[in-house]
Amino acid sequence: MSIGAGTAKTFPIEGVDILVCNVDGSFYAVEDVCTHDGAPLDQGHLEGKSVVCPRHGATFDVQTGEALTLPAVVPLMTFSVVVDGNDLLVDC
């Protein structure tokens, strides 16, 4: 399954839903749950290197997990991503 530039897809890894984001060819992984209200972030959208929550519009930096706008104040859990040929390896 490919993840095109400017898009994100969720994968269940070890019981956790991980949102893998392609930001201009660089891949980042965050937990797919808004820290404000538990909304699945894959139902929102990617704007540059920020993911926007579909419920209340909180935004998070997918590189660092930092909560960028209210109502979220708690950062997302982040995971390292390694590109290995055609595979993406996410370290959970």
Protein backbone atom coordinates (compact mmCIF):
# COMPACT_ATOMS: atom_id res chain seq x y z
CA MET A 1 0.00 0.00 0.00
CA SER A 2 1.49 3.33 -0.96
CA ILE A 3 1.14 6.62 0.86
CA GLY A 4 1.24 9.50 -1.60
CA ALA A 5 2.83 12.85 -0.81
CA GLY A 6 0.52 14.99 1.31
CA THR A 7 -1.52 12.02 2.53
CA ALA A 8 -1.66 9.77 5.57
CA LYS A 9 -2.87 6.24 6.30
CA THR A 10 -3.54 4.35 9.50
CA PHE A 11 -2.04 0.96 10.30
CA PRO A 12 -2.69 -1.18 13.38
CA ILE A 13 0.71 -2.03 14.87
CA GLU A 14 0.97 -4.06 18.08
CA GLY A 15 -2.57 -3.08 19.12
CA VAL A 16 -2.07 0.65 18.48
CA ASP A 17 -3.45 2.58 15.51
CA ILE A 18 -0.52 4.46 13.97
CA LEU A 19 -1.02 7.28 11.45
CA VAL A 20 1.82 7.30 8.92
CA CYS A 21 2.13 10.65 7.12
CA ASN A 22 4.00 11.47 3.91
CA VAL A 23 5.25 15.06 4.07
CA ASP A 24 6.99 15.83 0.78
CA GLY A 25 8.53 12.35 0.62
CA SER A 26 9.53 12.18 4.30
CA PHE A 27 7.57 9.81 6.51
CA TYR A 28 6.41 10.45 10.07
CA ALA A 29 4.29 8.33 12.40
CA VAL A 30 2.05 9.42 15.26
CA GLU A 31 -0.61 7.72 17.33
CA ASP A 32 -3.93 8.05 15.48
CA VAL A 33 -5.82 9.55 18.43
CA CYS A 34 -6.43 13.23 19.19
CA THR A 35 -5.16 13.96 22.71
CA HIS A 36 -8.06 16.38 23.24
CA ASP A 37 -11.03 14.06 22.75
CA GLY A 38 -9.87 10.74 21.32
CA ALA A 39 -11.00 11.37 17.74
CA PRO A 40 -9.26 9.29 15.05
CA LEU A 41 -6.92 11.69 13.27
CA ASP A 42 -7.10 9.72 10.02
CA GLN A 43 -10.61 11.15 9.65
CA GLY A 44 -9.06 14.65 9.57
CA HIS A 45 -6.58 15.90 7.01
CA LEU A 46 -2.90 16.65 6.54
CA GLU A 47 -1.88 20.29 5.95
CA GLY A 48 1.83 20.39 5.24
CA LYS A 49 3.44 18.83 8.31
CA SER A 50 0.34 19.25 10.48
CA VAL A 51 -2.59 16.90 10.96
CA VAL A 52 -5.95 18.50 11.74
CA CYS A 53 -8.42 16.74 14.04
CA PRO A 54 -11.84 16.29 12.40
CA ARG A 55 -13.87 17.10 15.53
CA HIS A 56 -12.62 20.39 16.95
CA GLY A 57 -9.83 21.43 14.58
CA ALA A 58 -6.88 20.91 16.90
CA THR A 59 -3.65 20.64 14.92
CA PHE A 60 -0.53 18.64 15.66
CA ASP A 61 2.97 18.68 14.15
CA VAL A 62 3.50 15.15 12.77
CA GLN A 63 7.29 15.50 13.07
CA THR A 64 7.32 16.25 16.80
CA GLY A 65 3.79 15.41 17.98
CA GLU A 66 3.48 18.94 19.41
CA ALA A 67 -0.06 20.25 19.86
CA LEU A 68 -0.07 23.44 17.77
CA THR A 69 -3.59 24.76 18.40
CA LEU A 70 -6.29 24.55 21.02
CA PRO A 71 -8.27 22.76 22.20
CA ALA A 72 -5.41 20.22 22.31
CA VAL A 73 -2.51 20.90 24.65
CA VAL A 74 -1.01 17.41 25.09
CA PRO A 75 1.38 16.23 22.34
CA LEU A 76 0.84 13.10 20.27
CA MET A 77 3.01 10.04 20.77
CA THR A 78 5.48 9.82 17.88
CA PHE A 79 7.30 6.84 16.37
CA SER A 80 10.41 6.64 14.23
CA VAL A 81 10.01 5.56 10.61
CA VAL A 82 12.73 3.94 8.50
CA VAL A 83 12.40 3.50 4.74
CA ASP A 84 13.74 0.09 3.70
CA GLY A 85 13.35 -0.25 -0.06
CA ASN A 86 9.59 -0.26 -0.66
CA ASP A 87 8.80 -0.89 3.02
CA LEU A 88 8.23 1.50 5.88
CA LEU A 89 9.39 0.23 9.26
CA VAL A 90 7.73 1.89 12.25
CA ASP A 91 9.40 1.48 15.64
CA CYS A 92 6.70 1.10 18.29
